[in-house]
Amino acid sequence: MAAAAAAVEPEPLRLELLPTDPLLLILSFLDYRDLLSCCYVSRRLNQLSSHDPLWKRHCKKYWLLSEAEKTQRNQSWKAIFISFYSDLGRYIQYYATLKKAWDDLERYLGQRCPRMIGSLKDSVQEEDLDAVEAQIGCKLPDDYRCSFRIHNGQKLVVPGLMGSMALSNHYRSEDLLDIDTAAGGFQQRLGLKQCLPLTFCIHTGLSQYMALESVEGRNKYEIFYQCPDQMARNPSAIDMFITGTSYLEWFTSYVNNVVTGGYPIIRDQIFRIEMSKDALPEKACQLDSRYWRITNAKGDVEEVQGPGVVGEFPIISPGRVYEYTSCTTFSTTSGYMEGYYTFHCLYYKDKFFNVIIPRFHMVCPTFKVSTARMETNHNEYAMDEDEDSTDTDEYEDRRRVLDIPAPSGRCPRHT
C-alpha cells in the first residue's frame, strides 16, 4: 500500500513579517490610536510604528503644526504629538477646527484691524477652567474649554471681536469675554438659570449666553440673545434669538462669515457706491434719488422713494467711493429689499440713468418663545419695532455683575 502523504498547511502570514516598505505603507493609514496600539504588539511593530514620518501627518491633522514649528521645538514628530496630546488630548476632536478658526481670524484682523489683535488674551490652563467649573457649579463644554486654551477671550475694549458696527443711531461693539469675567456673570435668576455669558456689549448692555444645562426650555449648550418681555408678569418669560447650537458651531460659523465678508466686523458703512478708476472722466455723475421695495416675511410690501441718500447727493467720479449707513425696520423676523439709484451725468445734464440694486435678504436668528410664556397662555407674540430688549434696571444689574464701567455718551464710529 502506498502511504498517503500528509498535507502540511502553510504557516499563516503575520503582519509584522511583511517587508518594511509595504508595512510602513499600511501603518500610514492608521489613526494615532491604532498606531500607538501597534507599539505593544511586537518589537518590530514597535520600531516601525515609531517611524517619524508616520507621526508628521497626525501632528498636522490634529495640532496644525508646521515644519517650522517642528524645527523650532527640535523634537521628533512623535514626541511633539505625545507632548500636545498629554496637554490637549481631551480636545483632540475640536482643537484643529478651533485653532484654524482663530488663525483665520487673526490673519484677517492683521490686515484689517491689527489693533484688535492686541486685545486678545493669552490662553488659560486646565486648572483655570477647572476652578471656574467649581465656582459656578456647572461643567463647561469641551469645545468652549478648547477655545480658551487657545485664547482667553479679549480685553473689554472697542472695537469688539464679536462685531463692532454703527447703524444709524444704534451702536454695537461686542467683546468676547474672558473666562473670569464670564464666570462673574454666570446667571441663576429666573429666566436665565445656569446660563454663562459669552459676550458683552458695553453700549447696549447685551450679552450672548450659553445654556450649560437644559432648563427653562433651553437646550444644553444652546447660545442665544435674551429677549425679555417687559410687560410679562413672570420674570422667567424670556424669549430668545438662537445664535448657535454649540460653541464650536457658533464661533466657527461667525469667523467664517467675518473672513468671507459676510459680517462687517469693524465697519460702520453698509452701503457702498463706487466707480471704477478706469472709467472715462465723462462718466462722472451725481446721485439724485433712491427707490426701495421692501418685502417682509408675510409678503407685505412697502415702497420708499425720495431725494438723495441720507440727505446727501454724492458725486461719483472714476476711482471715487461713497459709503453710507442706513437701516429699515421689519414687522417680521426676515425680509428682503431691492431697488435702484437714479443718477444724472455731469457732462450731459439731461441724461439720467438707473443703477439696479439686486435683491438682498435680511434674516434674524431663530426666534424661540420661552416655556414660561407658553405655560401662561401668552402664545401670541408680536415684534414691536420700537421695543428695547433691555430696560435700565436690568442693564445696570448686568453691568455691575460683569464689573464693567458705565458707557459714556455715544459709541465712536470705527472705519
Protein backbone atom coordinates (compact mmCIF):
# COMPACT_ATOMS: atom_id res chain seq x y z
CA MET A 1 0.00 0.00 0.00
CA ALA A 2 1.21 3.43 -0.82
CA ALA A 3 1.50 5.67 2.18
CA ALA A 4 -0.63 8.78 1.88
CA ALA A 5 1.39 11.94 2.20
CA ALA A 6 0.13 14.12 4.97
CA ALA A 7 -0.84 17.58 3.77
CA VAL A 8 1.09 20.31 5.57
CA GLU A 9 -0.71 23.62 5.85
CA PRO A 10 1.49 26.65 5.27
CA GLU A 11 2.07 28.92 8.25
CA PRO A 12 -0.25 31.98 8.05
CA LEU A 13 1.47 35.20 7.07
CA ARG A 14 1.77 37.57 10.01
CA LEU A 15 1.62 41.32 9.55
CA GLU A 16 4.95 42.01 11.19
CA LEU A 17 6.67 39.59 8.76
CA LEU A 18 5.93 41.81 5.77
CA PRO A 19 8.84 43.71 4.24
CA THR A 20 9.46 47.14 5.73
CA ASP A 21 8.20 49.36 2.91
CA PRO A 22 4.74 47.78 2.45
CA LEU A 23 4.35 47.54 6.22
CA LEU A 24 5.11 51.24 6.64
CA LEU A 25 2.58 51.98 3.92
CA ILE A 26 -0.08 50.01 5.82
CA LEU A 27 0.79 51.81 9.06
CA SER A 28 0.44 55.18 7.35
CA PHE A 29 -3.32 54.57 7.04
CA LEU A 30 -3.79 54.03 10.78
CA ASP A 31 -5.12 56.68 13.13
CA TYR A 32 -2.98 57.70 16.09
CA ARG A 33 -4.81 55.35 18.49
CA ASP A 34 -4.16 52.27 16.34
CA LEU A 35 -0.61 53.39 15.67
CA LEU A 36 0.05 53.57 19.40
CA SER A 37 -1.53 50.14 19.88
CA CYS A 38 0.91 48.67 17.38
CA CYS A 39 3.74 49.59 19.74
CA TYR A 40 2.57 46.81 22.09
CA VAL A 41 2.17 44.02 19.51
CA SER A 42 5.77 43.11 18.84
CA ARG A 43 9.25 44.55 18.92
CA ARG A 44 9.32 45.07 15.14
CA LEU A 45 5.95 46.81 15.02
CA ASN A 46 7.07 48.94 17.96
CA GLN A 47 10.07 50.09 15.97
CA LEU A 48 8.17 50.69 12.74
CA SER A 49 5.22 52.48 14.38
CA SER A 50 7.71 54.95 15.81
CA HIS A 51 8.86 55.85 12.30
CA ASP A 52 8.81 59.66 12.50
CA PRO A 53 7.16 60.46 9.13
CA LEU A 54 4.10 58.47 10.27
CA TRP A 55 3.54 61.00 13.08
CA LYS A 56 4.04 64.04 10.88
CA ARG A 57 0.59 63.51 9.35
CA HIS A 58 -1.07 63.31 12.77
CA CYS A 59 0.72 66.42 14.05
CA LYS A 60 -0.52 68.39 11.07
CA LYS A 61 -4.02 66.92 11.16
CA TYR A 62 -4.77 67.30 14.87
CA TRP A 63 -2.45 70.09 16.05
CA LEU A 64 -1.93 72.07 12.79
CA LEU A 65 1.83 72.03 13.31
CA SER A 66 4.19 73.13 10.55
CA GLU A 67 7.72 72.15 9.61
CA ALA A 68 8.98 75.45 11.01
CA GLU A 69 7.39 74.74 14.40
CA LYS A 70 8.94 71.28 14.46
CA THR A 71 12.36 72.76 13.74
CA GLN A 72 11.87 75.29 16.50
CA ARG A 73 10.94 72.59 19.00
CA ASN A 74 13.87 70.37 17.98
CA GLN A 75 11.86 67.21 18.70
CA SER A 76 10.66 64.26 16.65
CA TRP A 77 7.13 64.34 15.24
CA LYS A 78 6.11 61.53 17.59
CA ALA A 79 7.49 63.32 20.64
CA ILE A 80 5.67 66.51 19.65
CA PHE A 81 2.40 64.62 19.12
CA ILE A 82 2.64 62.98 22.54
CA SER A 83 3.52 66.31 24.16
CA PHE A 84 0.45 68.01 22.68
CA TYR A 85 -1.75 65.03 23.46
CA SER A 86 -0.73 64.99 27.11
CA ASP A 87 -1.79 68.64 27.38
CA LEU A 88 -4.75 68.89 24.98
CA GLY A 89 -5.77 65.29 24.37
CA ARG A 90 -9.32 65.72 25.69
CA TYR A 91 -9.90 68.34 22.98
CA ILE A 92 -8.46 66.42 20.04
CA GLN A 93 -11.80 66.34 18.17
CA TYR A 94 -12.15 70.13 18.45
CA TYR A 95 -8.66 71.59 18.53
CA ALA A 96 -7.79 71.68 14.82
CA THR A 97 -11.14 73.23 13.86
CA LEU A 98 -10.98 75.92 16.53
CA LYS A 99 -7.28 76.62 16.02
CA LYS A 100 -7.87 77.13 12.30
CA ALA A 101 -10.76 79.49 13.06
CA TRP A 102 -8.59 81.53 15.42
CA ASP A 103 -5.72 81.58 12.90
CA ASP A 104 -8.05 82.70 10.11
CA LEU A 105 -9.49 85.44 12.31
CA GLU A 106 -6.08 86.70 13.41
CA ARG A 107 -4.87 86.75 9.81
CA TYR A 108 -7.94 88.76 8.81
CA LEU A 109 -7.51 91.19 11.70
CA GLY A 110 -3.84 91.60 10.89
CA GLN A 111 -4.87 93.00 7.51
CA ARG A 112 -7.99 94.94 8.54
CA CYS A 113 -7.69 95.86 12.22
CA PRO A 114 -4.31 94.98 13.75
CA ARG A 115 -5.06 96.89 16.95
CA MET A 116 -7.77 94.35 17.74
CA ILE A 117 -5.17 91.57 17.86
CA GLY A 118 -3.61 93.37 20.82
CA SER A 119 -6.84 92.93 22.77
CA LEU A 120 -6.70 89.11 22.57
CA LYS A 121 -5.70 87.42 25.80
CA ASP A 122 -3.29 84.53 26.11
CA SER A 123 -4.57 81.01 26.71
CA VAL A 124 -5.66 79.69 30.09
CA GLN A 125 -4.59 76.42 31.67
CA GLU A 126 -6.64 73.39 32.63
CA GLU A 127 -6.58 74.32 36.31
CA ASP A 128 -8.09 77.74 35.49
CA LEU A 129 -11.01 76.14 33.68
CA ASP A 130 -11.45 73.56 36.45
CA ALA A 131 -11.57 76.40 39.00
CA VAL A 132 -14.33 78.15 37.04
CA GLU A 133 -16.37 74.94 36.92
CA ALA A 134 -16.03 74.63 40.69
CA GLN A 135 -17.03 78.28 41.12
CA ILE A 136 -20.22 78.12 39.03
CA GLY A 137 -21.14 74.50 39.84
CA CYS A 138 -21.53 73.52 36.17
CA LYS A 139 -19.41 71.69 33.64
CA LEU A 140 -18.10 73.70 30.71
CA PRO A 141 -18.39 72.02 27.29
CA ASP A 142 -15.10 70.77 25.86
CA ASP A 143 -15.33 72.90 22.71
CA TYR A 144 -15.63 76.04 24.89
CA ARG A 145 -12.72 74.93 27.06
CA CYS A 146 -10.65 74.15 23.98
CA SER A 147 -11.15 77.63 22.52
CA PHE A 148 -9.99 79.22 25.77
CA ARG A 149 -6.89 77.04 25.74
CA ILE A 150 -6.06 78.98 22.55
CA HIS A 151 -7.23 82.49 23.53
CA ASN A 152 -8.85 83.59 26.78
CA GLY A 153 -11.30 85.93 25.07
CA GLN A 154 -10.32 89.59 24.85
CA LYS A 155 -9.94 92.70 26.93
CA LEU A 156 -13.07 94.84 27.29
CA VAL A 157 -12.29 97.32 24.55
CA VAL A 158 -13.81 98.91 21.47
CA PRO A 159 -13.98 97.55 18.80
CA GLY A 160 -15.24 94.19 19.96
CA LEU A 161 -14.15 90.92 18.44
CA MET A 162 -17.71 89.65 18.00
CA GLY A 163 -18.92 92.60 15.96
CA SER A 164 -18.49 96.37 16.06
CA MET A 165 -20.87 98.43 13.97
CA ALA A 166 -22.81 101.68 13.81
CA LEU A 167 -26.23 101.57 12.18
CA SER A 168 -27.99 104.92 12.13
CA ASN A 169 -28.14 105.86 15.83
CA HIS A 170 -27.57 102.30 17.08
CA TYR A 171 -24.06 101.40 18.19
CA ARG A 172 -22.80 97.94 18.98
CA SER A 173 -19.39 96.64 19.94
CA GLU A 174 -19.48 93.12 21.34
CA ASP A 175 -16.47 91.70 23.20
CA LEU A 176 -15.68 88.02 23.65
CA LEU A 177 -15.49 87.69 27.44
CA ASP A 178 -12.51 86.13 29.19
CA ILE A 179 -13.26 83.16 31.42
CA ASP A 180 -13.15 85.02 34.75
CA THR A 181 -15.45 87.83 33.61
CA ALA A 182 -17.83 85.28 32.11
CA ALA A 183 -17.88 83.31 35.38
CA GLY A 184 -18.66 86.53 37.27
CA GLY A 185 -21.75 86.99 35.12
CA PHE A 186 -23.00 83.39 35.48
CA GLN A 187 -26.77 83.53 35.94
CA GLN A 188 -29.04 81.74 38.38
CA ARG A 189 -32.01 84.13 38.24
CA LEU A 190 -35.37 83.13 36.80
CA GLY A 191 -35.37 83.02 33.04
CA LEU A 192 -31.59 82.66 32.76
CA LYS A 193 -30.80 79.83 35.14
CA GLN A 194 -27.40 78.21 34.58
CA CYS A 195 -26.55 80.49 31.67
CA LEU A 196 -23.00 81.71 31.08
CA PRO A 197 -22.40 84.99 29.20
CA LEU A 198 -20.09 84.61 26.21
CA THR A 199 -20.06 88.23 25.04
CA PHE A 200 -20.85 91.70 26.32
CA CYS A 201 -21.63 94.95 24.52
CA ILE A 202 -20.58 97.99 26.53
CA HIS A 203 -23.01 100.25 24.66
CA THR A 204 -26.21 98.19 24.82
CA GLY A 205 -25.56 96.05 27.90
CA LEU A 206 -26.49 92.94 25.90
CA SER A 207 -24.79 89.56 26.11
CA GLN A 208 -24.99 86.33 24.20
CA TYR A 209 -25.46 83.46 26.66
CA MET A 210 -24.72 79.76 26.56
CA ALA A 211 -27.07 77.42 28.43
CA LEU A 212 -24.98 75.00 30.48
CA GLU A 213 -28.00 72.84 31.35
CA SER A 214 -31.32 72.02 29.70
CA VAL A 215 -33.57 74.14 31.90
CA GLU A 216 -36.36 76.69 31.31
CA GLY A 217 -37.00 75.38 27.81
CA ARG A 218 -33.42 75.77 26.54
CA ASN A 219 -31.30 73.04 25.01
CA LYS A 220 -27.97 72.28 26.65
CA TYR A 221 -25.13 74.37 25.16
CA GLU A 222 -27.56 76.45 23.07
CA ILE A 223 -26.33 80.02 22.52
CA PHE A 224 -28.77 82.91 22.41
CA TYR A 225 -29.59 86.58 22.88
CA GLN A 226 -32.17 87.08 25.61
CA CYS A 227 -35.32 88.94 24.61
CA PRO A 228 -37.33 89.68 27.80
CA ASP A 229 -40.94 90.80 27.66
CA GLN A 230 -41.16 94.00 29.70
CA MET A 231 -44.91 93.50 30.17
CA ALA A 232 -44.75 89.89 31.35
CA ARG A 233 -45.65 89.22 34.97
CA ASN A 234 -43.48 86.13 35.08
CA PRO A 235 -39.79 87.14 35.27
CA SER A 236 -38.78 83.86 33.65
CA ALA A 237 -40.72 84.74 30.46
CA ILE A 238 -37.55 85.45 28.49
CA ASP A 239 -37.71 84.69 24.78
CA MET A 240 -34.55 84.04 22.80
CA PHE A 241 -32.88 84.63 19.46
CA ILE A 242 -30.84 81.45 18.92
CA THR A 243 -27.37 82.19 17.52
CA GLY A 244 -25.76 78.75 17.85
CA THR A 245 -26.41 75.16 18.84
CA SER A 246 -22.92 74.69 20.31
CA TYR A 247 -19.86 76.81 20.96
CA LEU A 248 -17.97 75.18 18.09
CA GLU A 249 -20.73 75.86 15.59
CA TRP A 250 -21.32 79.38 16.93
CA PHE A 251 -17.68 80.51 16.86
CA THR A 252 -16.54 78.86 13.62
CA SER A 253 -19.59 79.99 11.64
CA TYR A 254 -19.10 83.54 12.92
CA VAL A 255 -15.42 83.56 11.93
CA ASN A 256 -16.26 82.15 8.51
CA ASN A 257 -18.78 84.94 7.94
CA VAL A 258 -16.23 87.55 9.02
CA VAL A 259 -13.32 86.39 6.86
CA THR A 260 -15.52 85.86 3.79
CA GLY A 261 -17.01 89.36 4.07
CA GLY A 262 -20.45 88.27 5.24
CA TYR A 263 -20.20 90.20 8.51
CA PRO A 264 -18.60 93.67 8.59
CA ILE A 265 -16.89 93.17 11.96
CA ILE A 266 -15.29 96.62 12.20
CA ARG A 267 -17.12 98.67 9.60
CA ASP A 268 -19.90 101.18 10.10
CA GLN A 269 -20.61 101.78 6.40
CA ILE A 270 -23.07 99.31 4.96
CA PHE A 271 -23.87 100.68 1.51
CA ARG A 272 -21.05 101.36 -0.94
CA ILE A 273 -21.20 103.18 -4.27
CA GLU A 274 -18.04 103.09 -6.36
CA MET A 275 -16.96 103.92 -9.90
CA SER A 276 -14.08 102.05 -11.47
CA LYS A 277 -10.87 104.06 -11.58
CA ASP A 278 -10.53 103.03 -15.22
CA ALA A 279 -13.79 104.73 -16.18
CA LEU A 280 -13.67 107.73 -18.52
CA PRO A 281 -13.89 111.18 -16.86
CA GLU A 282 -17.09 111.98 -18.77
CA LYS A 283 -18.78 109.11 -16.88
CA ALA A 284 -18.85 111.21 -13.69
CA CYS A 285 -22.37 111.51 -12.29
CA GLN A 286 -24.39 112.61 -9.28
CA LEU A 287 -26.97 110.64 -7.33
CA ASP A 288 -30.42 112.23 -7.47
CA SER A 289 -32.75 109.77 -5.71
CA ARG A 290 -33.22 106.23 -4.46
CA TYR A 291 -36.07 103.73 -4.61
CA TRP A 292 -36.53 100.74 -2.31
CA ARG A 293 -39.07 97.96 -2.44
CA ILE A 294 -39.17 96.27 0.99
CA THR A 295 -40.95 92.94 1.44
CA ASN A 296 -41.43 91.23 4.80
CA ALA A 297 -41.90 87.51 5.50
CA LYS A 298 -45.68 87.85 5.18
CA GLY A 299 -45.36 89.26 1.68
CA ASP A 300 -46.36 92.78 2.74
CA VAL A 301 -44.64 95.35 0.54
CA GLU A 302 -43.51 98.86 1.41
CA GLU A 303 -42.08 101.26 -1.17
CA VAL A 304 -39.70 104.07 -0.28
CA GLN A 305 -38.69 106.75 -2.77
CA GLY A 306 -37.01 110.05 -2.12
CA PRO A 307 -34.25 112.50 -2.99
CA GLY A 308 -30.62 111.54 -2.38
CA VAL A 309 -29.45 109.12 0.26
CA VAL A 310 -29.34 110.01 3.98
CA GLY A 311 -29.83 113.65 2.93
CA GLU A 312 -26.83 113.72 0.62
CA PHE A 313 -26.35 113.85 -3.16
CA PRO A 314 -22.89 112.32 -3.69
CA ILE A 315 -20.88 112.90 -6.84
CA ILE A 316 -19.34 109.71 -8.20
CA SER A 317 -16.28 110.01 -10.43
CA PRO A 318 -13.66 107.50 -11.62
CA GLY A 319 -11.99 105.84 -8.62
CA ARG A 320 -14.21 107.57 -6.08
CA VAL A 321 -16.01 105.59 -3.36
CA TYR A 322 -19.06 106.77 -1.41
CA GLU A 323 -20.25 104.82 1.66
CA TYR A 324 -23.19 105.48 3.90
CA THR A 325 -25.14 103.86 6.70
CA SER A 326 -28.88 103.36 6.68
CA CYS A 327 -31.42 100.91 8.04
CA THR A 328 -35.05 99.91 7.97
CA THR A 329 -37.47 98.08 10.26
CA PHE A 330 -39.42 94.89 9.67
CA SER A 331 -42.54 93.67 11.43
CA THR A 332 -41.31 90.12 10.86
CA THR A 333 -38.01 88.38 11.62
CA SER A 334 -36.99 88.22 7.95
CA GLY A 335 -37.47 90.04 4.70
CA TYR A 336 -35.71 91.35 1.64
CA MET A 337 -35.06 94.61 -0.20
CA GLU A 338 -34.33 95.63 -3.76
CA GLY A 339 -34.39 98.86 -5.69
CA TYR A 340 -32.33 101.32 -7.68
CA TYR A 341 -30.43 104.62 -7.55
CA THR A 342 -31.16 107.35 -10.08
CA PHE A 343 -28.18 109.38 -11.33
CA HIS A 344 -27.67 112.22 -13.80
CA CYS A 345 -24.49 112.71 -15.82
CA LEU A 346 -22.41 115.77 -15.01
CA TYR A 347 -21.21 116.23 -18.59
CA TYR A 348 -24.65 115.61 -20.12
CA LYS A 349 -27.03 117.10 -17.55
CA ASP A 350 -30.15 115.99 -19.40
CA LYS A 351 -29.05 112.35 -19.30
CA PHE A 352 -30.45 110.23 -16.44
CA PHE A 353 -30.00 106.54 -15.70
CA ASN A 354 -30.84 103.98 -13.00
CA VAL A 355 -28.43 101.62 -11.27
CA ILE A 356 -30.22 98.46 -10.15
CA ILE A 357 -29.66 97.23 -6.58
CA PRO A 358 -30.12 93.44 -6.64
CA ARG A 359 -32.34 91.81 -4.05
CA PHE A 360 -30.69 91.06 -0.72
CA HIS A 361 -32.14 89.28 2.27
CA MET A 362 -32.10 90.13 5.97
CA VAL A 363 -32.82 87.38 8.48
CA CYS A 364 -32.89 87.42 12.27
CA PRO A 365 -31.60 84.38 14.16
CA THR A 366 -34.18 81.72 15.00
CA PHE A 367 -36.69 83.12 17.48
CA LYS A 368 -37.72 80.87 20.37
CA VAL A 369 -40.61 81.63 22.71
CA SER A 370 -39.97 80.85 26.37
CA THR A 371 -41.79 77.94 28.00
CA ALA A 372 -42.93 80.29 30.77
CA ARG A 373 -44.78 82.41 28.24
CA MET A 374 -46.44 79.39 26.66
CA GLU A 375 -47.42 77.99 30.05
CA THR A 376 -49.18 81.23 30.91
CA ASN A 377 -51.05 81.20 27.58
CA HIS A 378 -49.06 84.06 26.07
CA ASN A 379 -48.87 82.25 22.77
CA GLU A 380 -49.14 85.25 20.52
CA TYR A 381 -46.06 87.39 20.28
CA ALA A 382 -45.77 90.48 18.11
CA MET A 383 -42.41 92.04 17.43
CA ASP A 384 -42.57 95.74 18.30
CA GLU A 385 -40.14 97.68 16.17
CA ASP A 386 -39.69 100.27 18.93
CA GLU A 387 -39.14 97.71 21.68
CA ASP A 388 -35.82 97.81 23.50
CA SER A 389 -34.69 94.38 24.67
CA THR A 390 -33.29 95.68 27.98
CA ASP A 391 -34.56 98.18 30.47
CA THR A 392 -32.36 100.44 32.59
CA ASP A 393 -32.54 98.45 35.81
CA GLU A 394 -31.70 95.15 34.12
CA TYR A 395 -28.83 96.70 32.23
CA GLU A 396 -27.39 98.25 35.40
CA ASP A 397 -27.65 94.90 37.22
CA ARG A 398 -25.80 93.13 34.42
CA ARG A 399 -23.16 95.85 34.22
CA ARG A 400 -22.46 95.54 37.96
CA VAL A 401 -22.27 91.75 37.77
CA LEU A 402 -19.69 91.95 34.99
CA ASP A 403 -17.84 94.80 36.73
CA ILE A 404 -17.91 96.92 33.59
CA PRO A 405 -17.86 100.74 33.67
CA ALA A 406 -21.00 102.52 32.52
CA PRO A 407 -20.84 103.74 28.91
CA SER A 408 -20.37 107.45 28.45
CA GLY A 409 -22.13 109.08 25.55
CA ARG A 410 -22.31 107.61 22.09
CA CYS A 411 -20.04 104.98 20.75
CA PRO A 412 -17.47 106.41 18.34
CA ARG A 413 -17.64 105.11 14.81
CA HIS A 414 -14.85 102.87 13.59
CA THR A 415 -13.72 102.62 9.99
